[in-house]
């Protein structure tokens, strides 16, 4: 989804940890090599 990509790009650019309830969407971005740090806020 384009919204997930935009959210992830903002987090990466500003060296932020992204807290999300939908880790699977963002793991795809990590899988291609971007340094996205994720936290599952549901856990």
PDB file of N, CA and C in Angstrom:
ATOM      1  N   UNK A   1       0.833  -1.178   0.000  1.00  0.00           N
ATOM      2  CA  UNK A   1       0.000   0.000   0.000  1.00  0.00           C
ATOM      3  C   UNK A   1       0.880   1.245   0.000  1.00  0.00           C
ATOM      4  N   UNK A   2       0.465   2.204  -0.736  1.00  0.00           N
ATOM      5  CA  UNK A   2       1.238   3.444  -0.848  1.00  0.00           C
ATOM      6  C   UNK A   2       1.344   4.176   0.489  1.00  0.00           C
ATOM      7  N   UNK A   3       0.318   4.091   1.311  1.00  0.00           N
ATOM      8  CA  UNK A   3       0.353   4.771   2.608  1.00  0.00           C
ATOM      9  C   UNK A   3       1.434   4.168   3.502  1.00  0.00           C
ATOM     10  N   UNK A   4       1.572   2.850   3.498  1.00  0.00           N
ATOM     11  CA  UNK A   4       2.593   2.179   4.302  1.00  0.00           C
ATOM     12  C   UNK A   4       3.986   2.605   3.849  1.00  0.00           C
ATOM     13  N   UNK A   5       4.175   2.729   2.563  1.00  0.00           N
ATOM     14  CA  UNK A   5       5.458   3.141   2.021  1.00  0.00           C
ATOM     15  C   UNK A   5       5.792   4.565   2.454  1.00  0.00           C
ATOM     16  N   UNK A   6       4.828   5.440   2.424  1.00  0.00           N
ATOM     17  CA  UNK A   6       5.037   6.819   2.840  1.00  0.00           C
ATOM     18  C   UNK A   6       5.376   6.894   4.330  1.00  0.00           C
ATOM     19  N   UNK A   7       4.630   6.186   5.152  1.00  0.00           N
ATOM     20  CA  UNK A   7       4.884   6.168   6.597  1.00  0.00           C
ATOM     21  C   UNK A   7       6.283   5.620   6.874  1.00  0.00           C
ATOM     22  N   UNK A   8       6.636   4.529   6.222  1.00  0.00           N
ATOM     23  CA  UNK A   8       7.952   3.920   6.428  1.00  0.00           C
ATOM     24  C   UNK A   8       9.070   4.852   5.975  1.00  0.00           C
ATOM     25  N   UNK A   9       8.884   5.526   4.865  1.00  0.00           N
ATOM     26  CA  UNK A   9       9.937   6.416   4.361  1.00  0.00           C
ATOM     27  C   UNK A   9      10.176   7.579   5.311  1.00  0.00           C
ATOM     28  N   UNK A  10       9.140   8.089   5.937  1.00  0.00           N
ATOM     29  CA  UNK A  10       9.292   9.168   6.919  1.00  0.00           C
ATOM     30  C   UNK A  10      10.065   8.656   8.134  1.00  0.00           C
ATOM     31  N   UNK A  11       9.718   7.475   8.615  1.00  0.00           N
ATOM     32  CA  UNK A  11      10.414   6.893   9.762  1.00  0.00           C
ATOM     33  C   UNK A  11      11.894   6.649   9.450  1.00  0.00           C
ATOM     34  N   UNK A  12      12.177   6.112   8.272  1.00  0.00           N
ATOM     35  CA  UNK A  12      13.565   5.846   7.876  1.00  0.00           C
ATOM     36  C   UNK A  12      14.349   7.149   7.777  1.00  0.00           C
ATOM     37  N   UNK A  13      13.788   8.130   7.129  1.00  0.00           N
ATOM     38  CA  UNK A  13      14.477   9.417   6.911  1.00  0.00           C
ATOM     39  C   UNK A  13      14.834  10.124   8.209  1.00  0.00           C
ATOM     40  N   UNK A  14      13.976   9.986   9.224  1.00  0.00           N
ATOM     41  CA  UNK A  14      14.180  10.681  10.492  1.00  0.00           C
ATOM     42  C   UNK A  14      14.716   9.756  11.595  1.00  0.00           C
ATOM     43  N   UNK A  15      15.161   8.561  11.188  1.00  0.00           N
ATOM     44  CA  UNK A  15      15.724   7.582  12.130  1.00  0.00           C
ATOM     45  C   UNK A  15      14.791   7.306  13.309  1.00  0.00           C
ATOM     46  N   UNK A  16      13.522   7.075  12.992  1.00  0.00           N
ATOM     47  CA  UNK A  16      12.516   6.806  14.007  1.00  0.00           C
ATOM     48  C   UNK A  16      12.181   5.319  14.055  1.00  0.00           C
ATOM     49  N   UNK A  17      11.719   4.873  15.192  1.00  0.00           N
ATOM     50  CA  UNK A  17      11.175   3.525  15.330  1.00  0.00           C
ATOM     51  C   UNK A  17       9.692   3.604  15.001  1.00  0.00           C
ATOM     52  N   UNK A  18       9.245   2.729  14.150  1.00  0.00           N
ATOM     53  CA  UNK A  18       7.849   2.716  13.728  1.00  0.00           C
ATOM     54  C   UNK A  18       7.058   1.719  14.567  1.00  0.00           C
ATOM     55  N   UNK A  19       6.109   2.221  15.336  1.00  0.00           N
ATOM     56  CA  UNK A  19       5.224   1.371  16.133  1.00  0.00           C
ATOM     57  C   UNK A  19       3.961   1.114  15.319  1.00  0.00           C
ATOM     58  N   UNK A  20       3.650  -0.162  15.113  1.00  0.00           N
ATOM     59  CA  UNK A  20       2.521  -0.522  14.268  1.00  0.00           C
ATOM     60  C   UNK A  20       1.834  -1.775  14.790  1.00  0.00           C
ATOM     61  N   UNK A  21       0.597  -1.902  14.444  1.00  0.00           N
ATOM     62  CA  UNK A  21      -0.140  -3.111  14.754  1.00  0.00           C
ATOM     63  C   UNK A  21      -0.144  -4.071  13.577  1.00  0.00           C
ATOM     64  N   UNK A  22       0.511  -3.688  12.486  1.00  0.00           N
ATOM     65  CA  UNK A  22       0.529  -4.507  11.277  1.00  0.00           C
ATOM     66  C   UNK A  22       1.968  -4.679  10.791  1.00  0.00           C
ATOM     67  N   UNK A  23       2.722  -5.443  11.531  1.00  0.00           N
ATOM     68  CA  UNK A  23       4.140  -5.660  11.240  1.00  0.00           C
ATOM     69  C   UNK A  23       4.360  -6.226   9.834  1.00  0.00           C
ATOM     70  N   UNK A  24       3.489  -7.106   9.392  1.00  0.00           N
ATOM     71  CA  UNK A  24       3.688  -7.776   8.088  1.00  0.00           C
ATOM     72  C   UNK A  24       3.826  -6.804   6.928  1.00  0.00           C
ATOM     73  N   UNK A  25       3.054  -5.739   6.915  1.00  0.00           N
ATOM     74  CA  UNK A  25       3.158  -4.767   5.816  1.00  0.00           C
ATOM     75  C   UNK A  25       4.543  -4.138   5.767  1.00  0.00           C
ATOM     76  N   UNK A  26       5.079  -3.824   6.921  1.00  0.00           N
ATOM     77  CA  UNK A  26       6.345  -3.103   6.974  1.00  0.00           C
ATOM     78  C   UNK A  26       7.553  -4.020   6.870  1.00  0.00           C
ATOM     79  N   UNK A  27       7.402  -5.292   7.187  1.00  0.00           N
ATOM     80  CA  UNK A  27       8.514  -6.236   7.039  1.00  0.00           C
ATOM     81  C   UNK A  27       8.918  -6.367   5.577  1.00  0.00           C
ATOM     82  N   UNK A  28       8.003  -6.146   4.680  1.00  0.00           N
ATOM     83  CA  UNK A  28       8.326  -6.189   3.248  1.00  0.00           C
ATOM     84  C   UNK A  28       9.331  -5.106   2.894  1.00  0.00           C
ATOM     85  N   UNK A  29       9.226  -3.969   3.539  1.00  0.00           N
ATOM     86  CA  UNK A  29      10.159  -2.869   3.286  1.00  0.00           C
ATOM     87  C   UNK A  29      11.531  -3.214   3.857  1.00  0.00           C
ATOM     88  N   UNK A  30      11.556  -3.822   5.024  1.00  0.00           N
ATOM     89  CA  UNK A  30      12.822  -4.272   5.602  1.00  0.00           C
ATOM     90  C   UNK A  30      13.468  -5.335   4.710  1.00  0.00           C
ATOM     91  N   UNK A  31      12.657  -6.197   4.134  1.00  0.00           N
ATOM     92  CA  UNK A  31      13.163  -7.318   3.335  1.00  0.00           C
ATOM     93  C   UNK A  31      13.964  -6.869   2.120  1.00  0.00           C
ATOM     94  N   UNK A  32      13.690  -5.686   1.610  1.00  0.00           N
ATOM     95  CA  UNK A  32      14.448  -5.197   0.448  1.00  0.00           C
ATOM     96  C   UNK A  32      15.668  -4.375   0.860  1.00  0.00           C
ATOM     97  N   UNK A  33      15.923  -4.312   2.186  1.00  0.00           N
ATOM     98  CA  UNK A  33      17.177  -3.736   2.645  1.00  0.00           C
ATOM     99  C   UNK A  33      17.120  -2.369   3.305  1.00  0.00           C
ATOM    100  N   UNK A  34      15.951  -1.824   3.505  1.00  0.00           N
ATOM    101  CA  UNK A  34      15.859  -0.511   4.146  1.00  0.00           C
ATOM    102  C   UNK A  34      15.976  -0.670   5.659  1.00  0.00           C
ATOM    103  N   UNK A  35      16.657   0.281   6.325  1.00  0.00           N
ATOM    104  CA  UNK A  35      16.905   0.176   7.771  1.00  0.00           C
ATOM    105  C   UNK A  35      15.712   0.643   8.610  1.00  0.00           C
ATOM    106  N   UNK A  36      14.609  -0.019   8.458  1.00  0.00           N
ATOM    107  CA  UNK A  36      13.385   0.335   9.178  1.00  0.00           C
ATOM    108  C   UNK A  36      13.322  -0.450  10.481  1.00  0.00           C
ATOM    109  N   UNK A  37      13.176   0.273  11.592  1.00  0.00           N
ATOM    110  CA  UNK A  37      13.079  -0.353  12.908  1.00  0.00           C
ATOM    111  C   UNK A  37      11.603  -0.407  13.282  1.00  0.00           C
ATOM    112  N   UNK A  38      11.123  -1.617  13.585  1.00  0.00           N
ATOM    113  CA  UNK A  38       9.715  -1.832  13.880  1.00  0.00           C
ATOM    114  C   UNK A  38       9.478  -2.297  15.305  1.00  0.00           C
ATOM    115  N   UNK A  39       8.335  -1.900  15.837  1.00  0.00           N
ATOM    116  CA  UNK A  39       7.869  -2.368  17.143  1.00  0.00           C
ATOM    117  C   UNK A  39       6.391  -2.677  16.993  1.00  0.00           C
ATOM    118  N   UNK A  40       5.994  -3.837  17.505  1.00  0.00           N
ATOM    119  CA  UNK A  40       4.578  -4.213  17.454  1.00  0.00           C
ATOM    120  C   UNK A  40       3.896  -3.680  18.707  1.00  0.00           C
ATOM    121  N   UNK A  41       3.094  -2.666  18.576  1.00  0.00           N
ATOM    122  CA  UNK A  41       2.452  -2.039  19.724  1.00  0.00           C
ATOM    123  C   UNK A  41       1.369  -2.923  20.346  1.00  0.00           C
ATOM    124  N   UNK A  42       0.969  -3.972  19.674  1.00  0.00           N
ATOM    125  CA  UNK A  42      -0.021  -4.893  20.212  1.00  0.00           C
ATOM    126  C   UNK A  42       0.591  -5.913  21.173  1.00  0.00           C
ATOM    127  N   UNK A  43       1.893  -6.131  21.022  1.00  0.00           N
ATOM    128  CA  UNK A  43       2.572  -7.169  21.814  1.00  0.00           C
ATOM    129  C   UNK A  43       2.795  -6.742  23.245  1.00  0.00           C
TER     130      UNK A  43
END
